[in-house]
C-alpha atoms as a PDB file:
ATOM      1  CA  MET A   1      83.225  59.785  37.231  1.00  0.00           C
ATOM      2  CA  LYS A   2      84.940  58.899  40.494  1.00  0.00           C
ATOM      3  CA  LYS A   3      82.791  58.969  43.626  1.00  0.00           C
ATOM      4  CA  SER A   4      85.065  61.582  45.266  1.00  0.00           C
ATOM      5  CA  SER A   5      84.767  63.878  42.222  1.00  0.00           C
ATOM      6  CA  MET A   6      80.981  63.559  42.199  1.00  0.00           C
ATOM      7  CA  THR A   7      80.814  64.205  45.956  1.00  0.00           C
ATOM      8  CA  ALA A   8      83.060  67.246  45.620  1.00  0.00           C
ATOM      9  CA  MET A   9      80.920  68.702  42.828  1.00  0.00           C
ATOM     10  CA  MET A  10      77.748  68.128  44.861  1.00  0.00           C
ATOM     11  CA  LEU A  11      79.304  69.776  47.915  1.00  0.00           C
ATOM     12  CA  LEU A  12      80.429  72.741  45.811  1.00  0.00           C
ATOM     13  CA  ALA A  13      76.958  73.153  44.355  1.00  0.00           C
ATOM     14  CA  GLY A  14      75.389  72.753  47.803  1.00  0.00           C
ATOM     15  CA  GLY A  15      77.762  75.306  49.284  1.00  0.00           C
ATOM     16  CA  ILE A  16      76.841  77.836  46.621  1.00  0.00           C
ATOM     17  CA  CYS A  17      73.117  77.260  47.133  1.00  0.00           C
ATOM     18  CA  ALA A  18      73.373  77.429  50.926  1.00  0.00           C
ATOM     19  CA  ALA A  19      75.320  80.691  50.755  1.00  0.00           C
ATOM     20  CA  GLN A  20      72.706  82.448  48.668  1.00  0.00           C
ATOM     21  CA  THR A  21      70.649  85.115  50.383  1.00  0.00           C
ATOM     22  CA  GLY A  22      69.243  86.576  47.183  1.00  0.00           C
ATOM     23  CA  GLY A  23      70.076  86.481  43.509  1.00  0.00           C
ATOM     24  CA  GLN A  24      70.314  83.215  41.688  1.00  0.00           C
ATOM     25  CA  ILE A  25      73.651  81.591  40.985  1.00  0.00           C
ATOM     26  CA  ARG A  26      74.284  78.316  39.203  1.00  0.00           C
ATOM     27  CA  LEU A  27      77.839  77.315  38.391  1.00  0.00           C
ATOM     28  CA  ALA A  28      79.218  74.065  37.061  1.00  0.00           C
ATOM     29  CA  PRO A  29      82.939  73.560  37.741  1.00  0.00           C
ATOM     30  CA  GLY A  30      83.792  74.606  34.181  1.00  0.00           C
ATOM     31  CA  ASP A  31      81.921  77.904  34.612  1.00  0.00           C
ATOM     32  CA  VAL A  32      84.374  79.234  37.220  1.00  0.00           C
ATOM     33  CA  LYS A  33      86.581  81.945  35.721  1.00  0.00           C
ATOM     34  CA  TRP A  34      89.952  81.554  37.435  1.00  0.00           C
ATOM     35  CA  PRO A  35      92.371  84.475  37.249  1.00  0.00           C
ATOM     36  CA  THR A  36      95.390  83.949  35.005  1.00  0.00           C
ATOM     37  CA  GLY A  37      97.801  84.705  37.880  1.00  0.00           C
ATOM     38  CA  ALA A  38      97.748  84.792  41.657  1.00  0.00           C
ATOM     39  CA  SER A  39      94.859  86.639  43.248  1.00  0.00           C
ATOM     40  CA  SER A  40      95.008  87.442  46.929  1.00  0.00           C
ATOM     41  CA  LEU A  41      91.566  88.621  47.969  1.00  0.00           C
ATOM     42  CA  VAL A  42      90.638  89.998  51.376  1.00  0.00           C
ATOM     43  CA  GLY A  43      90.353  87.087  53.786  1.00  0.00           C
ATOM     44  CA  THR A  44      92.815  84.836  51.991  1.00  0.00           C
ATOM     45  CA  SER A  45      96.351  83.914  53.030  1.00  0.00           C
ATOM     46  CA  GLY A  46      98.109  86.215  50.570  1.00  0.00           C
ATOM     47  CA  VAL A  47     100.527  83.404  49.704  1.00  0.00           C
ATOM     48  CA  PRO A  48     101.983  83.850  46.190  1.00  0.00           C
ATOM     49  CA  GLY A  49     100.515  81.473  43.646  1.00  0.00           C
ATOM     50  CA  VAL A  50      97.200  80.945  45.448  1.00  0.00           C
ATOM     51  CA  GLN A  51      94.256  81.817  43.220  1.00  0.00           C
ATOM     52  CA  THR A  52      90.897  82.949  44.578  1.00  0.00           C
ATOM     53  CA  VAL A  53      87.506  83.583  43.003  1.00  0.00           C
ATOM     54  CA  THR A  54      84.553  85.187  44.787  1.00  0.00           C
ATOM     55  CA  LEU A  55      81.474  83.067  44.115  1.00  0.00           C
ATOM     56  CA  LYS A  56      78.979  85.034  46.200  1.00  0.00           C
ATOM     57  CA  GLY A  57      78.904  88.304  48.112  1.00  0.00           C
ATOM     58  CA  ASP A  58      81.755  90.635  49.031  1.00  0.00           C
ATOM     59  CA  PRO A  59      84.181  89.485  51.758  1.00  0.00           C
ATOM     60  CA  THR A  60      85.000  93.128  52.595  1.00  0.00           C
ATOM     61  CA  LYS A  61      81.382  93.893  53.569  1.00  0.00           C
ATOM     62  CA  ALA A  62      78.848  92.576  56.078  1.00  0.00           C
ATOM     63  CA  GLY A  63      77.034  89.534  54.708  1.00  0.00           C
ATOM     64  CA  VAL A  64      77.492  86.021  53.450  1.00  0.00           C
ATOM     65  CA  TYR A  65      80.304  85.389  51.001  1.00  0.00           C
ATOM     66  CA  ALA A  66      81.695  82.293  49.319  1.00  0.00           C
ATOM     67  CA  LEU A  67      85.199  81.907  47.898  1.00  0.00           C
ATOM     68  CA  LEU A  68      86.804  79.239  45.783  1.00  0.00           C
ATOM     69  CA  LEU A  69      90.512  78.914  46.502  1.00  0.00           C
ATOM     70  CA  ARG A  70      93.105  77.045  44.438  1.00  0.00           C
ATOM     71  CA  ALA A  71      96.564  76.244  45.822  1.00  0.00           C
ATOM     72  CA  GLY A  72      99.177  74.480  43.729  1.00  0.00           C
ATOM     73  CA  PRO A  73     101.471  71.642  44.769  1.00  0.00           C
ATOM     74  CA  ASN A  74     103.910  72.239  47.634  1.00  0.00           C
ATOM     75  CA  THR A  75     102.139  75.328  48.985  1.00  0.00           C
ATOM     76  CA  ARG A  76     102.621  76.181  52.658  1.00  0.00           C
ATOM     77  CA  ILE A  77     100.426  78.623  54.578  1.00  0.00           C
ATOM     78  CA  GLU A  78     101.678  79.766  57.990  1.00  0.00           C
ATOM     79  CA  ALA A  79      99.457  80.144  61.077  1.00  0.00           C
ATOM     80  CA  HIS A  80      96.883  82.903  60.729  1.00  0.00           C
ATOM     81  CA  SER A  81      93.299  83.697  61.710  1.00  0.00           C
ATOM     82  CA  HIS A  82      90.223  85.490  60.389  1.00  0.00           C
ATOM     83  CA  PRO A  83      87.756  87.635  62.358  1.00  0.00           C
ATOM     84  CA  ASP A  84      84.683  85.845  60.994  1.00  0.00           C
ATOM     85  CA  ASP A  85      83.313  82.327  61.394  1.00  0.00           C
ATOM     86  CA  ARG A  86      84.062  80.247  58.294  1.00  0.00           C
ATOM     87  CA  VAL A  87      83.301  76.768  57.004  1.00  0.00           C
ATOM     88  CA  ALA A  88      85.098  75.036  54.162  1.00  0.00           C
ATOM     89  CA  THR A  89      84.867  72.001  51.916  1.00  0.00           C
ATOM     90  CA  VAL A  90      87.725  70.407  49.998  1.00  0.00           C
ATOM     91  CA  VAL A  91      86.474  70.273  46.408  1.00  0.00           C
ATOM     92  CA  SER A  92      89.439  68.509  44.814  1.00  0.00           C
ATOM     93  CA  GLY A  93      92.903  67.355  45.795  1.00  0.00           C
ATOM     94  CA  THR A  94      94.172  66.776  49.314  1.00  0.00           C
ATOM     95  CA  TRP A  95      94.528  69.574  51.888  1.00  0.00           C
ATOM     96  CA  TYR A  96      96.635  69.207  55.012  1.00  0.00           C
ATOM     97  CA  PHE A  97      95.099  71.412  57.702  1.00  0.00           C
ATOM     98  CA  GLY A  98      95.822  72.094  61.369  1.00  0.00           C
ATOM     99  CA  TYR A  99      95.071  74.456  64.253  1.00  0.00           C
ATOM    100  CA  GLY A 100      97.656  76.249  66.372  1.00  0.00           C
ATOM    101  CA  ASN A 101      99.763  79.373  66.770  1.00  0.00           C
ATOM    102  CA  ALA A 102     102.664  78.111  64.639  1.00  0.00           C
ATOM    103  CA  PHE A 103     102.952  75.834  61.607  1.00  0.00           C
ATOM    104  CA  ASP A 104     103.393  72.263  62.877  1.00  0.00           C
ATOM    105  CA  GLU A 105     103.496  69.531  60.254  1.00  0.00           C
ATOM    106  CA  GLN A 106     102.777  66.892  62.935  1.00  0.00           C
ATOM    107  CA  ALA A 107      99.444  68.605  63.728  1.00  0.00           C
ATOM    108  CA  LEU A 108      98.169  68.540  60.131  1.00  0.00           C
ATOM    109  CA  LYS A 109      95.193  66.349  59.284  1.00  0.00           C
ATOM    110  CA  GLN A 110      94.921  64.963  55.763  1.00  0.00           C
ATOM    111  CA  LEU A 111      91.640  66.132  54.206  1.00  0.00           C
ATOM    112  CA  PRO A 112      90.841  64.543  50.816  1.00  0.00           C
ATOM    113  CA  ALA A 113      88.154  65.808  48.425  1.00  0.00           C
ATOM    114  CA  GLY A 114      84.759  65.884  50.114  1.00  0.00           C
ATOM    115  CA  SER A 115      86.202  66.767  53.547  1.00  0.00           C
ATOM    116  CA  PHE A 116      84.747  69.556  55.681  1.00  0.00           C
ATOM    117  CA  TYR A 117      86.455  71.785  58.253  1.00  0.00           C
ATOM    118  CA  THR A 118      85.879  75.010  60.185  1.00  0.00           C
ATOM    119  CA  GLU A 119      87.850  78.188  60.743  1.00  0.00           C
ATOM    120  CA  PRO A 120      86.347  79.627  63.960  1.00  0.00           C
ATOM    121  CA  PRO A 121      86.766  83.394  64.443  1.00  0.00           C
ATOM    122  CA  GLY A 122      90.155  84.371  65.869  1.00  0.00           C
ATOM    123  CA  THR A 123      91.433  80.756  65.790  1.00  0.00           C
ATOM    124  CA  ASN A 124      94.886  80.340  64.266  1.00  0.00           C
ATOM    125  CA  HIS A 125      95.185  77.646  61.631  1.00  0.00           C
ATOM    126  CA  PHE A 126      97.706  76.603  58.984  1.00  0.00           C
ATOM    127  CA  ALA A 127      97.763  74.378  55.935  1.00  0.00           C
ATOM    128  CA  MET A 128      99.769  72.918  53.113  1.00  0.00           C
ATOM    129  CA  THR A 129      99.570  70.893  49.950  1.00  0.00           C
ATOM    130  CA  LYS A 130     102.004  68.165  49.000  1.00  0.00           C
ATOM    131  CA  SER A 131     102.518  66.757  45.478  1.00  0.00           C
ATOM    132  CA  GLU A 132      99.055  67.742  44.236  1.00  0.00           C
ATOM    133  CA  GLY A 133      97.161  71.001  44.270  1.00  0.00           C
ATOM    134  CA  VAL A 134      93.840  71.572  45.971  1.00  0.00           C
ATOM    135  CA  GLU A 135      90.605  73.505  45.514  1.00  0.00           C
ATOM    136  CA  ILE A 136      88.698  74.649  48.589  1.00  0.00           C
ATOM    137  CA  GLN A 137      85.294  76.340  48.857  1.00  0.00           C
ATOM    138  CA  ILE A 138      85.093  78.698  51.875  1.00  0.00           C
ATOM    139  CA  THR A 139      81.918  80.338  53.154  1.00  0.00           C
ATOM    140  CA  GLY A 140      81.825  83.016  55.842  1.00  0.00           C
ATOM    141  CA  TYR A 141      80.035  86.119  57.036  1.00  0.00           C
ATOM    142  CA  GLY A 142      82.009  89.285  56.361  1.00  0.00           C
ATOM    143  CA  PRO A 143      83.700  91.493  56.701  1.00  0.00           C
ATOM    144  CA  THR A 144      86.713  89.235  56.828  1.00  0.00           C
ATOM    145  CA  GLY A 145      90.465  89.705  56.952  1.00  0.00           C
ATOM    146  CA  THR A 146      93.648  87.796  57.723  1.00  0.00           C
ATOM    147  CA  THR A 147      95.989  88.233  60.693  1.00  0.00           C
ATOM    148  CA  TYR A 148      99.159  86.157  60.893  1.00  0.00           C
ATOM    149  CA  ALA A 149     100.076  84.743  64.313  1.00  0.00           C
ATOM    150  CA  ASP A 150     103.635  85.934  63.659  1.00  0.00           C
ATOM    151  CA  PRO A 151     103.588  89.106  61.524  1.00  0.00           C
ATOM    152  CA  LYS A 152     106.957  88.212  59.966  1.00  0.00           C
ATOM    153  CA  ASN A 153     105.179  85.272  58.221  1.00  0.00           C
ATOM    154  CA  ASP A 154     102.647  87.538  56.477  1.00  0.00           C
ATOM    155  CA  PRO A 155     103.475  87.200  52.752  1.00  0.00           C
ATOM    156  CA  THR A 156     101.701  90.467  51.924  1.00  0.00           C
ATOM    157  CA  LYS A 157     104.262  92.363  54.029  1.00  0.00           C
ATOM    158  CA  LYS A 158     107.343  90.959  52.248  1.00  0.00           C
END
């Protein structure tokens, strides 16, 4: 097993354990039940084709939650923010992530598997994938939501 894959699995497992406030959860990567189609949950970008699974908690309610997000190749997410403080780990693939009020490819930082980043409350950020997809584990304290910097870029309103 490649070192990056092992690191990503350990970070995923650590993220799940750290997010627990009760109840016991143990998931190996193969245990995750991905939806068959797109699944835009509260607190996600709403971009078509992005799949999301709730690992812990309920992002619509007060308390810790953890999400696993999967974005396919050539996915672009415009600048948006969330009301809660979030942390994320790239589990697999490469994520290109930046902060700002508008999508700016020059401001993206390449984050390979094992990378960590934050989504501070009310801070606009944007992201994309290139030729490969990505899986991200996001942990926050709800309730959460998504507000696009420019409402015309909100895919849930189209």
